[in-house]
C-alpha atoms as a PDB file:
ATOM      1  CA  UNK A   1      16.354 -38.072 -14.120  1.00  0.00           C
ATOM      2  CA  UNK A   2      18.846 -35.519 -12.822  1.00  0.00           C
ATOM      3  CA  UNK A   3      18.121 -32.914 -10.192  1.00  0.00           C
ATOM      4  CA  UNK A   4      17.583 -29.582 -12.027  1.00  0.00           C
ATOM      5  CA  UNK A   5      19.061 -27.654  -9.078  1.00  0.00           C
ATOM      6  CA  UNK A   6      22.412 -29.441  -9.514  1.00  0.00           C
ATOM      7  CA  UNK A   7      23.147 -27.372 -12.621  1.00  0.00           C
ATOM      8  CA  UNK A   8      22.396 -24.027 -10.969  1.00  0.00           C
ATOM      9  CA  UNK A   9      25.255 -21.696 -10.098  1.00  0.00           C
ATOM     10  CA  UNK A  10      26.233 -21.918  -6.413  1.00  0.00           C
ATOM     11  CA  UNK A  11      25.121 -18.294  -5.800  1.00  0.00           C
ATOM     12  CA  UNK A  12      21.568 -19.232  -6.760  1.00  0.00           C
ATOM     13  CA  UNK A  13      21.511 -22.783  -5.358  1.00  0.00           C
ATOM     14  CA  UNK A  14      22.855 -21.738  -1.948  1.00  0.00           C
ATOM     15  CA  UNK A  15      20.720 -18.641  -1.436  1.00  0.00           C
ATOM     16  CA  UNK A  16      17.771 -19.395   0.865  1.00  0.00           C
ATOM     17  CA  UNK A  17      15.066 -17.129  -0.529  1.00  0.00           C
ATOM     18  CA  UNK A  18      12.620 -18.158   2.183  1.00  0.00           C
ATOM     19  CA  UNK A  19      14.944 -16.599   4.796  1.00  0.00           C
ATOM     20  CA  UNK A  20      15.288 -13.295   2.956  1.00  0.00           C
ATOM     21  CA  UNK A  21      13.726 -10.347   4.808  1.00  0.00           C
ATOM     22  CA  UNK A  22      12.822  -8.735   1.483  1.00  0.00           C
ATOM     23  CA  UNK A  23      11.108 -11.878   0.252  1.00  0.00           C
ATOM     24  CA  UNK A  24       9.170 -12.288   3.493  1.00  0.00           C
ATOM     25  CA  UNK A  25       8.101  -8.638   3.536  1.00  0.00           C
ATOM     26  CA  UNK A  26       6.998  -8.945  -0.091  1.00  0.00           C
ATOM     27  CA  UNK A  27       4.937 -12.069   0.669  1.00  0.00           C
ATOM     28  CA  UNK A  28       3.296 -10.400   3.681  1.00  0.00           C
ATOM     29  CA  UNK A  29       2.515  -7.295   1.612  1.00  0.00           C
ATOM     30  CA  UNK A  30       1.003  -9.488  -1.107  1.00  0.00           C
ATOM     31  CA  UNK A  31      -1.102 -11.468   1.407  1.00  0.00           C
ATOM     32  CA  UNK A  32      -2.283  -8.264   3.069  1.00  0.00           C
ATOM     33  CA  UNK A  33      -3.202  -6.664  -0.258  1.00  0.00           C
ATOM     34  CA  UNK A  34      -5.030  -9.795  -1.447  1.00  0.00           C
ATOM     35  CA  UNK A  35      -7.015 -10.093   1.788  1.00  0.00           C
ATOM     36  CA  UNK A  36      -8.009  -6.416   1.697  1.00  0.00           C
ATOM     37  CA  UNK A  37      -8.967  -6.690  -1.988  1.00  0.00           C
ATOM     38  CA  UNK A  38     -11.184  -9.712  -1.264  1.00  0.00           C
ATOM     39  CA  UNK A  39     -13.068  -7.659   1.328  1.00  0.00           C
ATOM     40  CA  UNK A  40     -13.181  -4.348  -0.519  1.00  0.00           C
ATOM     41  CA  UNK A  41     -14.229  -5.915  -3.817  1.00  0.00           C
ATOM     42  CA  UNK A  42     -16.985  -7.918  -2.138  1.00  0.00           C
ATOM     43  CA  UNK A  43     -18.227  -5.100   0.090  1.00  0.00           C
ATOM     44  CA  UNK A  44     -17.373  -1.906  -1.782  1.00  0.00           C
ATOM     45  CA  UNK A  45     -16.546  -2.829  -5.395  1.00  0.00           C
ATOM     46  CA  UNK A  46     -12.985  -1.438  -5.256  1.00  0.00           C
ATOM     47  CA  UNK A  47      -9.466  -2.908  -5.037  1.00  0.00           C
ATOM     48  CA  UNK A  48      -7.133  -2.573  -2.061  1.00  0.00           C
ATOM     49  CA  UNK A  49      -5.053  -0.026  -3.954  1.00  0.00           C
ATOM     50  CA  UNK A  50      -8.114   2.080  -4.753  1.00  0.00           C
ATOM     51  CA  UNK A  51      -9.223   1.736  -1.116  1.00  0.00           C
ATOM     52  CA  UNK A  52      -5.825   2.877   0.072  1.00  0.00           C
ATOM     53  CA  UNK A  53      -5.892   5.942  -2.187  1.00  0.00           C
ATOM     54  CA  UNK A  54      -9.371   6.884  -1.005  1.00  0.00           C
ATOM     55  CA  UNK A  55      -8.260   6.532   2.602  1.00  0.00           C
ATOM     56  CA  UNK A  56      -5.090   8.591   2.081  1.00  0.00           C
ATOM     57  CA  UNK A  57      -7.116  11.405   0.504  1.00  0.00           C
ATOM     58  CA  UNK A  58      -9.850  11.186   3.165  1.00  0.00           C
ATOM     59  CA  UNK A  59      -7.260  11.351   5.972  1.00  0.00           C
ATOM     60  CA  UNK A  60      -5.495  14.320   4.384  1.00  0.00           C
ATOM     61  CA  UNK A  61      -2.165  12.466   4.213  1.00  0.00           C
ATOM     62  CA  UNK A  62      -2.005  12.656   0.411  1.00  0.00           C
ATOM     63  CA  UNK A  63      -3.961  15.409  -1.315  1.00  0.00           C
ATOM     64  CA  UNK A  64      -1.890  15.616  -4.514  1.00  0.00           C
ATOM     65  CA  UNK A  65      -1.162  12.923  -7.090  1.00  0.00           C
ATOM     66  CA  UNK A  66       2.589  13.529  -6.570  1.00  0.00           C
ATOM     67  CA  UNK A  67       2.190  12.784  -2.846  1.00  0.00           C
ATOM     68  CA  UNK A  68       0.472   9.486  -3.700  1.00  0.00           C
ATOM     69  CA  UNK A  69       3.292   8.581  -6.081  1.00  0.00           C
ATOM     70  CA  UNK A  70       5.901   9.253  -3.360  1.00  0.00           C
ATOM     71  CA  UNK A  71       3.931   7.411  -0.682  1.00  0.00           C
ATOM     72  CA  UNK A  72       3.472   4.282  -2.779  1.00  0.00           C
ATOM     73  CA  UNK A  73       6.757   4.432  -4.676  1.00  0.00           C
ATOM     74  CA  UNK A  74       5.035   4.302  -8.046  1.00  0.00           C
ATOM     75  CA  UNK A  75       5.389   6.540 -11.073  1.00  0.00           C
ATOM     76  CA  UNK A  76       3.129   9.512 -11.739  1.00  0.00           C
ATOM     77  CA  UNK A  77       1.499   7.877 -14.770  1.00  0.00           C
ATOM     78  CA  UNK A  78       0.348   4.915 -12.641  1.00  0.00           C
ATOM     79  CA  UNK A  79      -1.144   7.323 -10.095  1.00  0.00           C
ATOM     80  CA  UNK A  80      -2.850   9.226 -12.888  1.00  0.00           C
ATOM     81  CA  UNK A  81      -4.482   6.012 -14.186  1.00  0.00           C
ATOM     82  CA  UNK A  82      -5.565   5.083 -10.647  1.00  0.00           C
ATOM     83  CA  UNK A  83      -7.032   8.545 -10.015  1.00  0.00           C
ATOM     84  CA  UNK A  84      -8.714   8.463 -13.444  1.00  0.00           C
ATOM     85  CA  UNK A  85     -10.454   5.172 -12.569  1.00  0.00           C
ATOM     86  CA  UNK A  86     -11.624   6.523  -9.204  1.00  0.00           C
ATOM     87  CA  UNK A  87     -12.833   9.728 -10.822  1.00  0.00           C
ATOM     88  CA  UNK A  88     -14.740   7.775 -13.517  1.00  0.00           C
ATOM     89  CA  UNK A  89     -16.399   5.771 -10.706  1.00  0.00           C
ATOM     90  CA  UNK A  90     -17.500   9.039  -9.095  1.00  0.00           C
ATOM     91  CA  UNK A  91     -15.458   8.465  -5.926  1.00  0.00           C
ATOM     92  CA  UNK A  92     -12.814  11.143  -6.378  1.00  0.00           C
ATOM     93  CA  UNK A  93     -12.509  14.469  -8.147  1.00  0.00           C
ATOM     94  CA  UNK A  94      -9.678  16.759  -9.127  1.00  0.00           C
ATOM     95  CA  UNK A  95      -9.910  20.308  -7.823  1.00  0.00           C
ATOM     96  CA  UNK A  96      -7.706  23.078  -9.210  1.00  0.00           C
ATOM     97  CA  UNK A  97      -5.992  24.984  -6.362  1.00  0.00           C
ATOM     98  CA  UNK A  98      -7.068  28.602  -6.035  1.00  0.00           C
ATOM     99  CA  UNK A  99      -3.610  29.560  -4.673  1.00  0.00           C
ATOM    100  CA  UNK A 100      -1.559  27.771  -7.355  1.00  0.00           C
ATOM    101  CA  UNK A 101      -3.367  27.130 -10.631  1.00  0.00           C
ATOM    102  CA  UNK A 102      -0.778  24.471 -11.561  1.00  0.00           C
ATOM    103  CA  UNK A 103      -1.604  22.367  -8.495  1.00  0.00           C
ATOM    104  CA  UNK A 104      -4.512  19.966  -8.692  1.00  0.00           C
ATOM    105  CA  UNK A 105      -5.806  18.679  -5.378  1.00  0.00           C
ATOM    106  CA  UNK A 106      -7.700  15.444  -4.939  1.00  0.00           C
ATOM    107  CA  UNK A 107     -11.010  15.438  -3.097  1.00  0.00           C
ATOM    108  CA  UNK A 108     -13.505  12.711  -2.314  1.00  0.00           C
ATOM    109  CA  UNK A 109     -17.053  12.874  -3.591  1.00  0.00           C
ATOM    110  CA  UNK A 110     -19.825  12.095  -1.113  1.00  0.00           C
ATOM    111  CA  UNK A 111     -19.853   8.494  -2.415  1.00  0.00           C
ATOM    112  CA  UNK A 112     -16.069   8.326  -1.961  1.00  0.00           C
ATOM    113  CA  UNK A 113     -16.429   9.606   1.606  1.00  0.00           C
ATOM    114  CA  UNK A 114     -19.080   6.981   2.339  1.00  0.00           C
ATOM    115  CA  UNK A 115     -16.645   4.304   1.229  1.00  0.00           C
ATOM    116  CA  UNK A 116     -13.650   5.843   3.031  1.00  0.00           C
ATOM    117  CA  UNK A 117     -15.372   5.739   6.434  1.00  0.00           C
ATOM    118  CA  UNK A 118     -15.842   1.964   6.037  1.00  0.00           C
ATOM    119  CA  UNK A 119     -12.168   1.284   5.279  1.00  0.00           C
ATOM    120  CA  UNK A 120     -10.625   1.456   8.790  1.00  0.00           C
ATOM    121  CA  UNK A 121     -12.830  -1.433   9.927  1.00  0.00           C
ATOM    122  CA  UNK A 122     -11.757  -3.543   6.932  1.00  0.00           C
ATOM    123  CA  UNK A 123      -8.081  -2.648   7.364  1.00  0.00           C
ATOM    124  CA  UNK A 124      -8.253  -3.452  11.096  1.00  0.00           C
ATOM    125  CA  UNK A 125     -10.038  -6.743  10.521  1.00  0.00           C
ATOM    126  CA  UNK A 126      -7.441  -7.922   7.990  1.00  0.00           C
ATOM    127  CA  UNK A 127      -4.575  -6.824  10.227  1.00  0.00           C
ATOM    128  CA  UNK A 128      -6.132  -8.722  13.115  1.00  0.00           C
ATOM    129  CA  UNK A 129      -6.350 -11.870  11.013  1.00  0.00           C
ATOM    130  CA  UNK A 130      -2.720 -11.556   9.942  1.00  0.00           C
ATOM    131  CA  UNK A 131      -1.444 -10.922  13.455  1.00  0.00           C
ATOM    132  CA  UNK A 132      -3.993 -13.057  15.280  1.00  0.00           C
ATOM    133  CA  UNK A 133      -1.479 -15.491  16.744  1.00  0.00           C
ATOM    134  CA  UNK A 134       0.855 -12.734  17.939  1.00  0.00           C
ATOM    135  CA  UNK A 135       0.721 -11.196  21.379  1.00  0.00           C
ATOM    136  CA  UNK A 136       0.155  -7.411  21.663  1.00  0.00           C
ATOM    137  CA  UNK A 137       3.806  -7.106  22.667  1.00  0.00           C
ATOM    138  CA  UNK A 138       4.924  -9.005  19.560  1.00  0.00           C
ATOM    139  CA  UNK A 139       2.759  -6.792  17.353  1.00  0.00           C
ATOM    140  CA  UNK A 140       4.334  -3.722  18.956  1.00  0.00           C
ATOM    141  CA  UNK A 141       7.795  -5.155  18.438  1.00  0.00           C
ATOM    142  CA  UNK A 142       6.992  -5.978  14.807  1.00  0.00           C
ATOM    143  CA  UNK A 143       5.807  -2.400  14.205  1.00  0.00           C
ATOM    144  CA  UNK A 144       8.955  -1.064  15.811  1.00  0.00           C
ATOM    145  CA  UNK A 145      11.163  -3.237  13.604  1.00  0.00           C
ATOM    146  CA  UNK A 146       9.255  -2.253  10.474  1.00  0.00           C
ATOM    147  CA  UNK A 147       9.626   1.459  11.351  1.00  0.00           C
ATOM    148  CA  UNK A 148      13.372   0.963  11.751  1.00  0.00           C
ATOM    149  CA  UNK A 149      13.555  -0.812   8.386  1.00  0.00           C
ATOM    150  CA  UNK A 150      11.665   2.092   6.795  1.00  0.00           C
ATOM    151  CA  UNK A 151      14.030   4.561   8.454  1.00  0.00           C
ATOM    152  CA  UNK A 152      16.987   2.605   7.060  1.00  0.00           C
ATOM    153  CA  UNK A 153      15.466   2.794   3.576  1.00  0.00           C
ATOM    154  CA  UNK A 154      15.107   6.573   3.883  1.00  0.00           C
ATOM    155  CA  UNK A 155      18.718   6.882   5.138  1.00  0.00           C
ATOM    156  CA  UNK A 156      20.011   4.693   2.314  1.00  0.00           C
ATOM    157  CA  UNK A 157      18.192   6.658  -0.383  1.00  0.00           C
ATOM    158  CA  UNK A 158      19.197  10.000   1.069  1.00  0.00           C
ATOM    159  CA  UNK A 159      15.524  10.786   1.603  1.00  0.00           C
ATOM    160  CA  UNK A 160      14.807  12.173   5.051  1.00  0.00           C
ATOM    161  CA  UNK A 161      11.019  12.225   4.788  1.00  0.00           C
END
């Protein structure tokens, strides 16, 4: 039997995906999301993405659907579906702005607030598991490098936010 990789183009065969920063970041993001979802589903009945949205609204970082779409890099229709699900669960509500009738703000319900206050402990616990074998200095260095990568992505896209 012949080696299936021998027929691949050199560009594919010689590229070491496991050494790609993008691939590694994607795998870490996936692991983080899966670990948070395991906890939030078991303890709160919501996914990591739903938990993240509730936290962003609770913290005041994202109070409009458009802000959530920008923050997560997803299209407005995906945010609308996510907000719809949270609203149907009674965790979030849409509130028409009194200053600008076109703007619809997002607000947590009391049940949504009760869930949001439990999220930092879950997020911290998962982060601790993922970085458990790193020193505090290494964690600080990792955060610094990730911030620089994010800054590069903003510079490259022409977005200065």
